[in-house]
Amino acid sequence: MRWLKPLLLALPFAFAAALNYLMWAADHYHWRGRLIVTHYAFLFGTPWARLLGELPIPNPRSHFLQLLLGYSLVLWIPAALYCACVWIILRIVQGWLDLFRLSQKGSASGEKS
């Protein structure tokens, strides 16, 4: 089970990378379903919209920089925030499990005496 924690921490980045590729491919190849892909990307970043809306966002003149900024705001920054939340949850669960194990050892040693 040692692989579960890194896998869960990498999952938001894998999801963001897949959405990033699908958004690029839908835009580049003019897919009919590109709006569906875009909606999934915005659903990914929507829980963090209020937090990201408070950031001072520059307005670059380059189309490439605008795309890069858009992808980072919609996909990669929320992926990092999701990863941080998963890490915090895993740390809390690990602490609870450690406390449970210590209480089990304490009660088992108390019964033997």
PDB file of N, CA and C in Angstrom:
ATOM      1  N   MET A   1       0.801  -1.200   0.000  1.00  0.00           N
ATOM      2  CA  MET A   1       0.000   0.000   0.000  1.00  0.00           C
ATOM      3  C   MET A   1       0.850   1.273   0.000  1.00  0.00           C
ATOM      4  N   ARG A   2       2.168   1.125  -0.093  1.00  0.00           N
ATOM      5  CA  ARG A   2       3.034   2.305  -0.118  1.00  0.00           C
ATOM      6  C   ARG A   2       2.838   3.114  -1.395  1.00  0.00           C
ATOM      7  N   TRP A   3       2.349   2.505  -2.445  1.00  0.00           N
ATOM      8  CA  TRP A   3       2.172   3.194  -3.725  1.00  0.00           C
ATOM      9  C   TRP A   3       0.879   3.996  -3.762  1.00  0.00           C
ATOM     10  N   LEU A   4      -0.043   3.773  -2.818  1.00  0.00           N
ATOM     11  CA  LEU A   4      -1.339   4.436  -2.850  1.00  0.00           C
ATOM     12  C   LEU A   4      -1.224   5.946  -2.598  1.00  0.00           C
ATOM     13  N   LYS A   5      -0.400   6.348  -1.640  1.00  0.00           N
ATOM     14  CA  LYS A   5      -0.269   7.771  -1.321  1.00  0.00           C
ATOM     15  C   LYS A   5       0.321   8.567  -2.498  1.00  0.00           C
ATOM     16  N   PRO A   6       1.440   8.136  -3.093  1.00  0.00           N
ATOM     17  CA  PRO A   6       1.936   8.894  -4.250  1.00  0.00           C
ATOM     18  C   PRO A   6       0.965   8.886  -5.432  1.00  0.00           C
ATOM     19  N   LEU A   7       0.245   7.792  -5.598  1.00  0.00           N
ATOM     20  CA  LEU A   7      -0.728   7.725  -6.686  1.00  0.00           C
ATOM     21  C   LEU A   7      -1.862   8.723  -6.464  1.00  0.00           C
ATOM     22  N   LEU A   8      -2.353   8.809  -5.245  1.00  0.00           N
ATOM     23  CA  LEU A   8      -3.415   9.768  -4.947  1.00  0.00           C
ATOM     24  C   LEU A   8      -2.932  11.209  -5.072  1.00  0.00           C
ATOM     25  N   LEU A   9      -1.673  11.450  -4.721  1.00  0.00           N
ATOM     26  CA  LEU A   9      -1.131  12.808  -4.841  1.00  0.00           C
ATOM     27  C   LEU A   9      -0.881  13.191  -6.298  1.00  0.00           C
ATOM     28  N   ALA A  10      -0.594  12.227  -7.143  1.00  0.00           N
ATOM     29  CA  ALA A  10      -0.336  12.512  -8.556  1.00  0.00           C
ATOM     30  C   ALA A  10      -1.610  12.554  -9.388  1.00  0.00           C
ATOM     31  N   LEU A  11      -2.697  12.047  -8.855  1.00  0.00           N
ATOM     32  CA  LEU A  11      -3.939  11.964  -9.607  1.00  0.00           C
ATOM     33  C   LEU A  11      -4.455  13.318 -10.105  1.00  0.00           C
ATOM     34  N   PRO A  12      -4.468  14.393  -9.305  1.00  0.00           N
ATOM     35  CA  PRO A  12      -4.932  15.683  -9.851  1.00  0.00           C
ATOM     36  C   PRO A  12      -4.067  16.191 -11.004  1.00  0.00           C
ATOM     37  N   PHE A  13      -2.754  15.949 -10.928  1.00  0.00           N
ATOM     38  CA  PHE A  13      -1.877  16.393 -12.010  1.00  0.00           C
ATOM     39  C   PHE A  13      -2.077  15.562 -13.271  1.00  0.00           C
ATOM     40  N   ALA A  14      -2.333  14.276 -13.111  1.00  0.00           N
ATOM     41  CA  ALA A  14      -2.616  13.427 -14.271  1.00  0.00           C
ATOM     42  C   ALA A  14      -3.925  13.857 -14.929  1.00  0.00           C
ATOM     43  N   PHE A  15      -4.919  14.167 -14.107  1.00  0.00           N
ATOM     44  CA  PHE A  15      -6.195  14.627 -14.641  1.00  0.00           C
ATOM     45  C   PHE A  15      -6.030  15.966 -15.363  1.00  0.00           C
ATOM     46  N   ALA A  16      -5.250  16.873 -14.784  1.00  0.00           N
ATOM     47  CA  ALA A  16      -5.004  18.170 -15.422  1.00  0.00           C
ATOM     48  C   ALA A  16      -4.230  17.998 -16.726  1.00  0.00           C
ATOM     49  N   ALA A  17      -3.269  17.083 -16.747  1.00  0.00           N
ATOM     50  CA  ALA A  17      -2.511  16.848 -17.975  1.00  0.00           C
ATOM     51  C   ALA A  17      -3.406  16.273 -19.070  1.00  0.00           C
ATOM     52  N   ALA A  18      -4.277  15.349 -18.703  1.00  0.00           N
ATOM     53  CA  ALA A  18      -5.193  14.773 -19.693  1.00  0.00           C
ATOM     54  C   ALA A  18      -6.141  15.842 -20.228  1.00  0.00           C
ATOM     55  N   LEU A  19      -6.681  16.674 -19.344  1.00  0.00           N
ATOM     56  CA  LEU A  19      -7.565  17.750 -19.803  1.00  0.00           C
ATOM     57  C   LEU A  19      -6.803  18.772 -20.644  1.00  0.00           C
ATOM     58  N   ASN A  20      -5.569  19.039 -20.274  1.00  0.00           N
ATOM     59  CA  ASN A  20      -4.754  19.967 -21.043  1.00  0.00           C
ATOM     60  C   ASN A  20      -4.553  19.450 -22.463  1.00  0.00           C
ATOM     61  N   TYR A  21      -4.222  18.181 -22.586  1.00  0.00           N
ATOM     62  CA  TYR A  21      -4.025  17.594 -23.914  1.00  0.00           C
ATOM     63  C   TYR A  21      -5.340  17.578 -24.701  1.00  0.00           C
ATOM     64  N   LEU A  22      -6.439  17.205 -24.047  1.00  0.00           N
ATOM     65  CA  LEU A  22      -7.720  17.171 -24.750  1.00  0.00           C
ATOM     66  C   LEU A  22      -8.161  18.557 -25.202  1.00  0.00           C
ATOM     67  N   MET A  23      -7.910  19.567 -24.375  1.00  0.00           N
ATOM     68  CA  MET A  23      -8.259  20.933 -24.776  1.00  0.00           C
ATOM     69  C   MET A  23      -7.406  21.389 -25.954  1.00  0.00           C
ATOM     70  N   TRP A  24      -6.123  21.051 -25.921  1.00  0.00           N
ATOM     71  CA  TRP A  24      -5.248  21.425 -27.038  1.00  0.00           C
ATOM     72  C   TRP A  24      -5.678  20.707 -28.305  1.00  0.00           C
ATOM     73  N   ALA A  25      -5.935  19.406 -28.199  1.00  0.00           N
ATOM     74  CA  ALA A  25      -6.324  18.628 -29.380  1.00  0.00           C
ATOM     75  C   ALA A  25      -7.673  19.098 -29.923  1.00  0.00           C
ATOM     76  N   ALA A  26      -8.627  19.394 -29.049  1.00  0.00           N
ATOM     77  CA  ALA A  26      -9.933  19.858 -29.505  1.00  0.00           C
ATOM     78  C   ALA A  26      -9.818  21.203 -30.210  1.00  0.00           C
ATOM     79  N   ASP A  27      -8.946  22.063 -29.718  1.00  0.00           N
ATOM     80  CA  ASP A  27      -8.763  23.367 -30.349  1.00  0.00           C
ATOM     81  C   ASP A  27      -7.980  23.241 -31.653  1.00  0.00           C
ATOM     82  N   HIS A  28      -6.953  22.420 -31.643  1.00  0.00           N
ATOM     83  CA  HIS A  28      -6.086  22.286 -32.813  1.00  0.00           C
ATOM     84  C   HIS A  28      -6.782  21.573 -33.980  1.00  0.00           C
ATOM     85  N   TYR A  29      -7.544  20.536 -33.671  1.00  0.00           N
ATOM     86  CA  TYR A  29      -8.188  19.738 -34.714  1.00  0.00           C
ATOM     87  C   TYR A  29      -9.648  20.120 -34.940  1.00  0.00           C
ATOM     88  N   HIS A  30     -10.118  21.162 -34.276  1.00  0.00           N
ATOM     89  CA  HIS A  30     -11.477  21.677 -34.436  1.00  0.00           C
ATOM     90  C   HIS A  30     -12.516  20.577 -34.241  1.00  0.00           C
ATOM     91  N   TRP A  31     -12.404  19.879 -33.116  1.00  0.00           N
ATOM     92  CA  TRP A  31     -13.370  18.829 -32.796  1.00  0.00           C
ATOM     93  C   TRP A  31     -14.726  19.443 -32.515  1.00  0.00           C
ATOM     94  N   ARG A  32     -15.770  18.691 -32.829  1.00  0.00           N
ATOM     95  CA  ARG A  32     -17.124  19.154 -32.518  1.00  0.00           C
ATOM     96  C   ARG A  32     -17.363  19.174 -31.013  1.00  0.00           C
ATOM     97  N   GLY A  33     -16.762  18.248 -30.298  1.00  0.00           N
ATOM     98  CA  GLY A  33     -16.991  18.141 -28.861  1.00  0.00           C
ATOM     99  C   GLY A  33     -16.053  18.977 -28.020  1.00  0.00           C
ATOM    100  N   ARG A  34     -15.439  19.991 -28.604  1.00  0.00           N
ATOM    101  CA  ARG A  34     -14.479  20.772 -27.831  1.00  0.00           C
ATOM    102  C   ARG A  34     -15.133  21.535 -26.702  1.00  0.00           C
ATOM    103  N   LEU A  35     -16.411  21.876 -26.841  1.00  0.00           N
ATOM    104  CA  LEU A  35     -17.101  22.545 -25.745  1.00  0.00           C
ATOM    105  C   LEU A  35     -17.277  21.610 -24.555  1.00  0.00           C
ATOM    106  N   ILE A  36     -17.479  20.338 -24.823  1.00  0.00           N
ATOM    107  CA  ILE A  36     -17.606  19.360 -23.736  1.00  0.00           C
ATOM    108  C   ILE A  36     -16.301  19.270 -22.963  1.00  0.00           C
ATOM    109  N   VAL A  37     -15.188  19.219 -23.690  1.00  0.00           N
ATOM    110  CA  VAL A  37     -13.871  19.158 -23.047  1.00  0.00           C
ATOM    111  C   VAL A  37     -13.632  20.423 -22.232  1.00  0.00           C
ATOM    112  N   THR A  38     -14.008  21.561 -22.771  1.00  0.00           N
ATOM    113  CA  THR A  38     -13.832  22.823 -22.062  1.00  0.00           C
ATOM    114  C   THR A  38     -14.685  22.870 -20.801  1.00  0.00           C
ATOM    115  N   HIS A  39     -15.894  22.342 -20.877  1.00  0.00           N
ATOM    116  CA  HIS A  39     -16.750  22.312 -19.686  1.00  0.00           C
ATOM    117  C   HIS A  39     -16.143  21.447 -18.587  1.00  0.00           C
ATOM    118  N   TYR A  40     -15.560  20.307 -18.963  1.00  0.00           N
ATOM    119  CA  TYR A  40     -14.898  19.465 -17.962  1.00  0.00           C
ATOM    120  C   TYR A  40     -13.721  20.198 -17.325  1.00  0.00           C
ATOM    121  N   ALA A  41     -12.983  20.942 -18.132  1.00  0.00           N
ATOM    122  CA  ALA A  41     -11.849  21.693 -17.590  1.00  0.00           C
ATOM    123  C   ALA A  41     -12.328  22.754 -16.603  1.00  0.00           C
ATOM    124  N   PHE A  42     -13.413  23.458 -16.944  1.00  0.00           N
ATOM    125  CA  PHE A  42     -13.922  24.460 -16.023  1.00  0.00           C
ATOM    126  C   PHE A  42     -14.538  23.830 -14.779  1.00  0.00           C
ATOM    127  N   LEU A  43     -15.128  22.655 -14.898  1.00  0.00           N
ATOM    128  CA  LEU A  43     -15.624  21.950 -13.718  1.00  0.00           C
ATOM    129  C   LEU A  43     -14.477  21.578 -12.788  1.00  0.00           C
ATOM    130  N   PHE A  44     -13.324  21.245 -13.366  1.00  0.00           N
ATOM    131  CA  PHE A  44     -12.145  20.905 -12.579  1.00  0.00           C
ATOM    132  C   PHE A  44     -11.676  22.096 -11.751  1.00  0.00           C
ATOM    133  N   GLY A  45     -11.729  23.282 -12.330  1.00  0.00           N
ATOM    134  CA  GLY A  45     -11.224  24.460 -11.645  1.00  0.00           C
ATOM    135  C   GLY A  45     -12.261  25.281 -10.911  1.00  0.00           C
ATOM    136  N   THR A  46     -13.543  24.962 -11.075  1.00  0.00           N
ATOM    137  CA  THR A  46     -14.610  25.767 -10.484  1.00  0.00           C
ATOM    138  C   THR A  46     -14.555  25.882  -8.967  1.00  0.00           C
ATOM    139  N   PRO A  47     -14.270  24.812  -8.207  1.00  0.00           N
ATOM    140  CA  PRO A  47     -14.232  24.985  -6.747  1.00  0.00           C
ATOM    141  C   PRO A  47     -13.205  26.012  -6.271  1.00  0.00           C
ATOM    142  N   TRP A  48     -12.213  26.296  -7.083  1.00  0.00           N
ATOM    143  CA  TRP A  48     -11.170  27.232  -6.693  1.00  0.00           C
ATOM    144  C   TRP A  48     -11.352  28.596  -7.349  1.00  0.00           C
ATOM    145  N   ALA A  49     -12.462  28.811  -8.027  1.00  0.00           N
ATOM    146  CA  ALA A  49     -12.656  30.039  -8.807  1.00  0.00           C
ATOM    147  C   ALA A  49     -12.623  31.290  -7.931  1.00  0.00           C
ATOM    148  N   ARG A  50     -13.233  31.227  -6.770  1.00  0.00           N
ATOM    149  CA  ARG A  50     -13.254  32.416  -5.913  1.00  0.00           C
ATOM    150  C   ARG A  50     -11.848  32.769  -5.434  1.00  0.00           C
ATOM    151  N   LEU A  51     -11.078  31.748  -5.055  1.00  0.00           N
ATOM    152  CA  LEU A  51      -9.715  31.992  -4.606  1.00  0.00           C
ATOM    153  C   LEU A  51      -8.851  32.527  -5.744  1.00  0.00           C
ATOM    154  N   LEU A  52      -8.981  31.930  -6.921  1.00  0.00           N
ATOM    155  CA  LEU A  52      -8.173  32.365  -8.055  1.00  0.00           C
ATOM    156  C   LEU A  52      -8.654  33.697  -8.616  1.00  0.00           C
ATOM    157  N   GLY A  53      -9.914  34.041  -8.370  1.00  0.00           N
ATOM    158  CA  GLY A  53     -10.434  35.317  -8.839  1.00  0.00           C
ATOM    159  C   GLY A  53      -9.848  36.503  -8.102  1.00  0.00           C
ATOM    160  N   GLU A  54      -9.295  36.255  -6.937  1.00  0.00           N
ATOM    161  CA  GLU A  54      -8.690  37.330  -6.151  1.00  0.00           C
ATOM    162  C   GLU A  54      -7.258  37.639  -6.591  1.00  0.00           C
ATOM    163  N   LEU A  55      -6.670  36.792  -7.430  1.00  0.00           N
ATOM    164  CA  LEU A  55      -5.293  37.010  -7.880  1.00  0.00           C
ATOM    165  C   LEU A  55      -5.224  38.155  -8.882  1.00  0.00           C
ATOM    166  N   PRO A  56      -4.194  38.986  -8.795  1.00  0.00           N
ATOM    167  CA  PRO A  56      -4.016  40.009  -9.829  1.00  0.00           C
ATOM    168  C   PRO A  56      -3.463  39.341 -11.092  1.00  0.00           C
ATOM    169  N   ILE A  57      -4.282  39.271 -12.110  1.00  0.00           N
ATOM    170  CA  ILE A  57      -3.915  38.545 -13.330  1.00  0.00           C
ATOM    171  C   ILE A  57      -3.455  39.541 -14.386  1.00  0.00           C
ATOM    172  N   PRO A  58      -2.235  39.356 -14.910  1.00  0.00           N
ATOM    173  CA  PRO A  58      -1.775  40.247 -15.979  1.00  0.00           C
ATOM    174  C   PRO A  58      -2.496  39.924 -17.289  1.00  0.00           C
ATOM    175  N   ASN A  59      -2.494  40.862 -18.201  1.00  0.00           N
ATOM    176  CA  ASN A  59      -3.117  40.674 -19.504  1.00  0.00           C
ATOM    177  C   ASN A  59      -2.036  40.712 -20.581  1.00  0.00           C
ATOM    178  N   PRO A  60      -1.428  39.560 -20.884  1.00  0.00           N
ATOM    179  CA  PRO A  60      -0.346  39.564 -21.877  1.00  0.00           C
ATOM    180  C   PRO A  60      -0.887  39.777 -23.289  1.00  0.00           C
ATOM    181  N   ARG A  61      -0.066  40.338 -24.133  1.00  0.00           N
ATOM    182  CA  ARG A  61      -0.470  40.592 -25.517  1.00  0.00           C
ATOM    183  C   ARG A  61      -0.252  39.380 -26.413  1.00  0.00           C
ATOM    184  N   SER A  62       0.630  38.503 -26.012  1.00  0.00           N
ATOM    185  CA  SER A  62       0.934  37.317 -26.816  1.00  0.00           C
ATOM    186  C   SER A  62      -0.174  36.272 -26.655  1.00  0.00           C
ATOM    187  N   HIS A  63      -0.606  35.688 -27.776  1.00  0.00           N
ATOM    188  CA  HIS A  63      -1.645  34.649 -27.733  1.00  0.00           C
ATOM    189  C   HIS A  63      -1.142  33.423 -26.980  1.00  0.00           C
ATOM    190  N   PHE A  64       0.126  33.070 -27.184  1.00  0.00           N
ATOM    191  CA  PHE A  64       0.703  31.922 -26.488  1.00  0.00           C
ATOM    192  C   PHE A  64       0.713  32.137 -24.981  1.00  0.00           C
ATOM    193  N   LEU A  65       1.103  33.331 -24.541  1.00  0.00           N
ATOM    194  CA  LEU A  65       1.115  33.621 -23.106  1.00  0.00           C
ATOM    195  C   LEU A  65      -0.294  33.656 -22.518  1.00  0.00           C
ATOM    196  N   GLN A  66      -1.274  34.102 -23.298  1.00  0.00           N
ATOM    197  CA  GLN A  66      -2.658  34.073 -22.834  1.00  0.00           C
ATOM    198  C   GLN A  66      -3.130  32.635 -22.643  1.00  0.00           C
ATOM    199  N   LEU A  67      -2.791  31.752 -23.598  1.00  0.00           N
ATOM    200  CA  LEU A  67      -3.157  30.336 -23.462  1.00  0.00           C
ATOM    201  C   LEU A  67      -2.468  29.703 -22.268  1.00  0.00           C
ATOM    202  N   LEU A  68      -1.187  29.997 -22.099  1.00  0.00           N
ATOM    203  CA  LEU A  68      -0.432  29.447 -20.979  1.00  0.00           C
ATOM    204  C   LEU A  68      -1.007  29.909 -19.644  1.00  0.00           C
ATOM    205  N   LEU A  69      -1.349  31.174 -19.554  1.00  0.00           N
ATOM    206  CA  LEU A  69      -1.945  31.714 -18.341  1.00  0.00           C
ATOM    207  C   LEU A  69      -3.323  31.100 -18.092  1.00  0.00           C
ATOM    208  N   GLY A  70      -4.102  30.954 -19.154  1.00  0.00           N
ATOM    209  CA  GLY A  70      -5.429  30.347 -19.013  1.00  0.00           C
ATOM    210  C   GLY A  70      -5.351  28.903 -18.560  1.00  0.00           C
ATOM    211  N   TYR A  71      -4.457  28.122 -19.176  1.00  0.00           N
ATOM    212  CA  TYR A  71      -4.307  26.720 -18.770  1.00  0.00           C
ATOM    213  C   TYR A  71      -3.807  26.614 -17.334  1.00  0.00           C
ATOM    214  N   SER A  72      -2.898  27.504 -16.961  1.00  0.00           N
ATOM    215  CA  SER A  72      -2.385  27.417 -15.593  1.00  0.00           C
ATOM    216  C   SER A  72      -3.456  27.788 -14.583  1.00  0.00           C
ATOM    217  N   LEU A  73      -4.276  28.790 -14.887  1.00  0.00           N
ATOM    218  CA  LEU A  73      -5.327  29.186 -13.950  1.00  0.00           C
ATOM    219  C   LEU A  73      -6.456  28.166 -13.882  1.00  0.00           C
ATOM    220  N   VAL A  74      -6.809  27.587 -15.017  1.00  0.00           N
ATOM    221  CA  VAL A  74      -7.948  26.671 -15.053  1.00  0.00           C
ATOM    222  C   VAL A  74      -7.550  25.256 -14.647  1.00  0.00           C
ATOM    223  N   LEU A  75      -6.330  24.839 -14.958  1.00  0.00           N
ATOM    224  CA  LEU A  75      -5.960  23.432 -14.746  1.00  0.00           C
ATOM    225  C   LEU A  75      -4.859  23.211 -13.719  1.00  0.00           C
ATOM    226  N   TRP A  76      -3.731  23.882 -13.869  1.00  0.00           N
ATOM    227  CA  TRP A  76      -2.554  23.494 -13.084  1.00  0.00           C
ATOM    228  C   TRP A  76      -2.572  24.040 -11.664  1.00  0.00           C
ATOM    229  N   ILE A  77      -3.026  25.258 -11.458  1.00  0.00           N
ATOM    230  CA  ILE A  77      -3.119  25.768 -10.088  1.00  0.00           C
ATOM    231  C   ILE A  77      -4.182  24.999  -9.297  1.00  0.00           C
ATOM    232  N   PRO A  78      -5.374  24.737  -9.874  1.00  0.00           N
ATOM    233  CA  PRO A  78      -6.318  23.879  -9.135  1.00  0.00           C
ATOM    234  C   PRO A  78      -5.773  22.471  -8.881  1.00  0.00           C
ATOM    235  N   ALA A  79      -4.982  21.922  -9.810  1.00  0.00           N
ATOM    236  CA  ALA A  79      -4.393  20.599  -9.573  1.00  0.00           C
ATOM    237  C   ALA A  79      -3.465  20.635  -8.368  1.00  0.00           C
ATOM    238  N   ALA A  80      -2.673  21.702  -8.240  1.00  0.00           N
ATOM    239  CA  ALA A  80      -1.792  21.825  -7.080  1.00  0.00           C
ATOM    240  C   ALA A  80      -2.601  21.985  -5.796  1.00  0.00           C
ATOM    241  N   LEU A  81      -3.715  22.728  -5.861  1.00  0.00           N
ATOM    242  CA  LEU A  81      -4.559  22.902  -4.683  1.00  0.00           C
ATOM    243  C   LEU A  81      -5.262  21.600  -4.309  1.00  0.00           C
ATOM    244  N   TYR A  82      -5.737  20.840  -5.311  1.00  0.00           N
ATOM    245  CA  TYR A  82      -6.319  19.529  -5.031  1.00  0.00           C
ATOM    246  C   TYR A  82      -5.280  18.606  -4.401  1.00  0.00           C
ATOM    247  N   CYS A  83      -4.058  18.640  -4.920  1.00  0.00           N
ATOM    248  CA  CYS A  83      -2.982  17.802  -4.384  1.00  0.00           C
ATOM    249  C   CYS A  83      -2.695  18.165  -2.930  1.00  0.00           C
ATOM    250  N   ALA A  84      -2.682  19.463  -2.623  1.00  0.00           N
ATOM    251  CA  ALA A  84      -2.451  19.893  -1.239  1.00  0.00           C
ATOM    252  C   ALA A  84      -3.575  19.417  -0.321  1.00  0.00           C
ATOM    253  N   CYS A  85      -4.801  19.474  -0.803  1.00  0.00           N
ATOM    254  CA  CYS A  85      -5.935  19.002   0.017  1.00  0.00           C
ATOM    255  C   CYS A  85      -5.849  17.498   0.246  1.00  0.00           C
ATOM    256  N   VAL A  86      -5.510  16.752  -0.784  1.00  0.00           N
ATOM    257  CA  VAL A  86      -5.371  15.297  -0.630  1.00  0.00           C
ATOM    258  C   VAL A  86      -4.246  14.989   0.347  1.00  0.00           C
ATOM    259  N   TRP A  87      -3.140  15.729   0.276  1.00  0.00           N
ATOM    260  CA  TRP A  87      -2.025  15.511   1.195  1.00  0.00           C
ATOM    261  C   TRP A  87      -2.443  15.776   2.636  1.00  0.00           C
ATOM    262  N   ILE A  88      -3.189  16.867   2.857  1.00  0.00           N
ATOM    263  CA  ILE A  88      -3.652  17.174   4.212  1.00  0.00           C
ATOM    264  C   ILE A  88      -4.577  16.081   4.730  1.00  0.00           C
ATOM    265  N   ILE A  89      -5.488  15.616   3.893  1.00  0.00           N
ATOM    266  CA  ILE A  89      -6.404  14.537   4.302  1.00  0.00           C
ATOM    267  C   ILE A  89      -5.621  13.272   4.630  1.00  0.00           C
ATOM    268  N   LEU A  90      -4.639  12.942   3.801  1.00  0.00           N
ATOM    269  CA  LEU A  90      -3.836  11.747   4.066  1.00  0.00           C
ATOM    270  C   LEU A  90      -3.042  11.876   5.360  1.00  0.00           C
ATOM    271  N   ARG A  91      -2.535  13.062   5.648  1.00  0.00           N
ATOM    272  CA  ARG A  91      -1.807  13.276   6.912  1.00  0.00           C
ATOM    273  C   ARG A  91      -2.736  13.119   8.113  1.00  0.00           C
ATOM    274  N   ILE A  92      -3.953  13.627   8.013  1.00  0.00           N
ATOM    275  CA  ILE A  92      -4.912  13.493   9.112  1.00  0.00           C
ATOM    276  C   ILE A  92      -5.278  12.029   9.322  1.00  0.00           C
ATOM    277  N   VAL A  93      -5.540  11.320   8.238  1.00  0.00           N
ATOM    278  CA  VAL A  93      -5.885   9.895   8.345  1.00  0.00           C
ATOM    279  C   VAL A  93      -4.715   9.115   8.929  1.00  0.00           C
ATOM    280  N   GLN A  94      -3.489   9.428   8.513  1.00  0.00           N
ATOM    281  CA  GLN A  94      -2.315   8.739   9.050  1.00  0.00           C
ATOM    282  C   GLN A  94      -2.166   9.002  10.548  1.00  0.00           C
ATOM    283  N   GLY A  95      -2.428  10.238  10.975  1.00  0.00           N
ATOM    284  CA  GLY A  95      -2.372  10.555  12.403  1.00  0.00           C
ATOM    285  C   GLY A  95      -3.415   9.785  13.196  1.00  0.00           C
ATOM    286  N   TRP A  96      -4.630   9.683  12.658  1.00  0.00           N
ATOM    287  CA  TRP A  96      -5.676   8.910  13.327  1.00  0.00           C
ATOM    288  C   TRP A  96      -5.305   7.437  13.417  1.00  0.00           C
ATOM    289  N   LEU A  97      -4.741   6.904  12.325  1.00  0.00           N
ATOM    290  CA  LEU A  97      -4.334   5.496  12.353  1.00  0.00           C
ATOM    291  C   LEU A  97      -3.218   5.257  13.361  1.00  0.00           C
ATOM    292  N   ASP A  98      -2.273   6.185  13.459  1.00  0.00           N
ATOM    293  CA  ASP A  98      -1.201   6.050  14.447  1.00  0.00           C
ATOM    294  C   ASP A  98      -1.751   6.095  15.868  1.00  0.00           C
ATOM    295  N   LEU A  99      -2.695   6.999  16.123  1.00  0.00           N
ATOM    296  CA  LEU A  99      -3.316   7.058  17.451  1.00  0.00           C
ATOM    297  C   LEU A  99      -4.095   5.782  17.757  1.00  0.00           C
ATOM    298  N   PHE A 100      -4.780   5.247  16.765  1.00  0.00           N
ATOM    299  CA  PHE A 100      -5.533   4.015  16.957  1.00  0.00           C
ATOM    300  C   PHE A 100      -4.597   2.850  17.278  1.00  0.00           C
ATOM    301  N   ARG A 101      -3.481   2.780  16.550  1.00  0.00           N
ATOM    302  CA  ARG A 101      -2.512   1.698  16.810  1.00  0.00           C
ATOM    303  C   ARG A 101      -1.903   1.825  18.203  1.00  0.00           C
ATOM    304  N   LEU A 102      -1.587   3.050  18.615  1.00  0.00           N
ATOM    305  CA  LEU A 102      -1.029   3.257  19.953  1.00  0.00           C
ATOM    306  C   LEU A 102      -2.045   2.884  21.033  1.00  0.00           C
ATOM    307  N   SER A 103      -3.310   3.227  20.812  1.00  0.00           N
ATOM    308  CA  SER A 103      -4.321   2.867  21.812  1.00  0.00           C
ATOM    309  C   SER A 103      -4.536   1.356  21.854  1.00  0.00           C
ATOM    310  N   GLN A 104      -4.425   0.693  20.720  1.00  0.00           N
ATOM    311  CA  GLN A 104      -4.555  -0.764  20.693  1.00  0.00           C
ATOM    312  C   GLN A 104      -3.380  -1.425  21.410  1.00  0.00           C
ATOM    313  N   LYS A 105      -2.175  -0.912  21.212  1.00  0.00           N
ATOM    314  CA  LYS A 105      -1.000  -1.463  21.903  1.00  0.00           C
ATOM    315  C   LYS A 105      -1.101  -1.222  23.413  1.00  0.00           C
ATOM    316  N   GLY A 106      -1.590  -0.035  23.784  1.00  0.00           N
ATOM    317  CA  GLY A 106      -1.732   0.289  25.207  1.00  0.00           C
ATOM    318  C   GLY A 106      -2.770  -0.590  25.877  1.00  0.00           C
ATOM    319  N   SER A 107      -3.891  -0.842  25.216  1.00  0.00           N
ATOM    320  CA  SER A 107      -4.923  -1.674  25.818  1.00  0.00           C
ATOM    321  C   SER A 107      -4.499  -3.137  25.833  1.00  0.00           C
ATOM    322  N   ALA A 108      -3.732  -3.579  24.841  1.00  0.00           N
ATOM    323  CA  ALA A 108      -3.256  -4.972  24.803  1.00  0.00           C
ATOM    324  C   ALA A 108      -2.207  -5.188  25.886  1.00  0.00           C
ATOM    325  N   SER A 109      -1.328  -4.230  26.145  1.00  0.00           N
ATOM    326  CA  SER A 109      -0.332  -4.390  27.183  1.00  0.00           C
ATOM    327  C   SER A 109      -0.963  -4.254  28.576  1.00  0.00           C
ATOM    328  N   GLY A 110      -2.026  -3.482  28.701  1.00  0.00           N
ATOM    329  CA  GLY A 110      -2.737  -3.336  29.975  1.00  0.00           C
ATOM    330  C   GLY A 110      -3.472  -4.603  30.367  1.00  0.00           C
ATOM    331  N   GLU A 111      -3.972  -5.358  29.380  1.00  0.00           N
ATOM    332  CA  GLU A 111      -4.695  -6.600  29.679  1.00  0.00           C
ATOM    333  C   GLU A 111      -3.755  -7.704  30.117  1.00  0.00           C
ATOM    334  N   LYS A 112      -2.525  -7.698  29.619  1.00  0.00           N
ATOM    335  CA  LYS A 112      -1.580  -8.762  29.955  1.00  0.00           C
ATOM    336  C   LYS A 112      -1.049  -8.627  31.378  1.00  0.00           C
ATOM    337  N   SER A 113      -1.032  -7.430  31.961  1.00  0.00           N
ATOM    338  CA  SER A 113      -0.463  -7.223  33.291  1.00  0.00           C
ATOM    339  C   SER A 113      -1.339  -7.731  34.383  1.00  0.00           C
TER     340      SER A 113
END
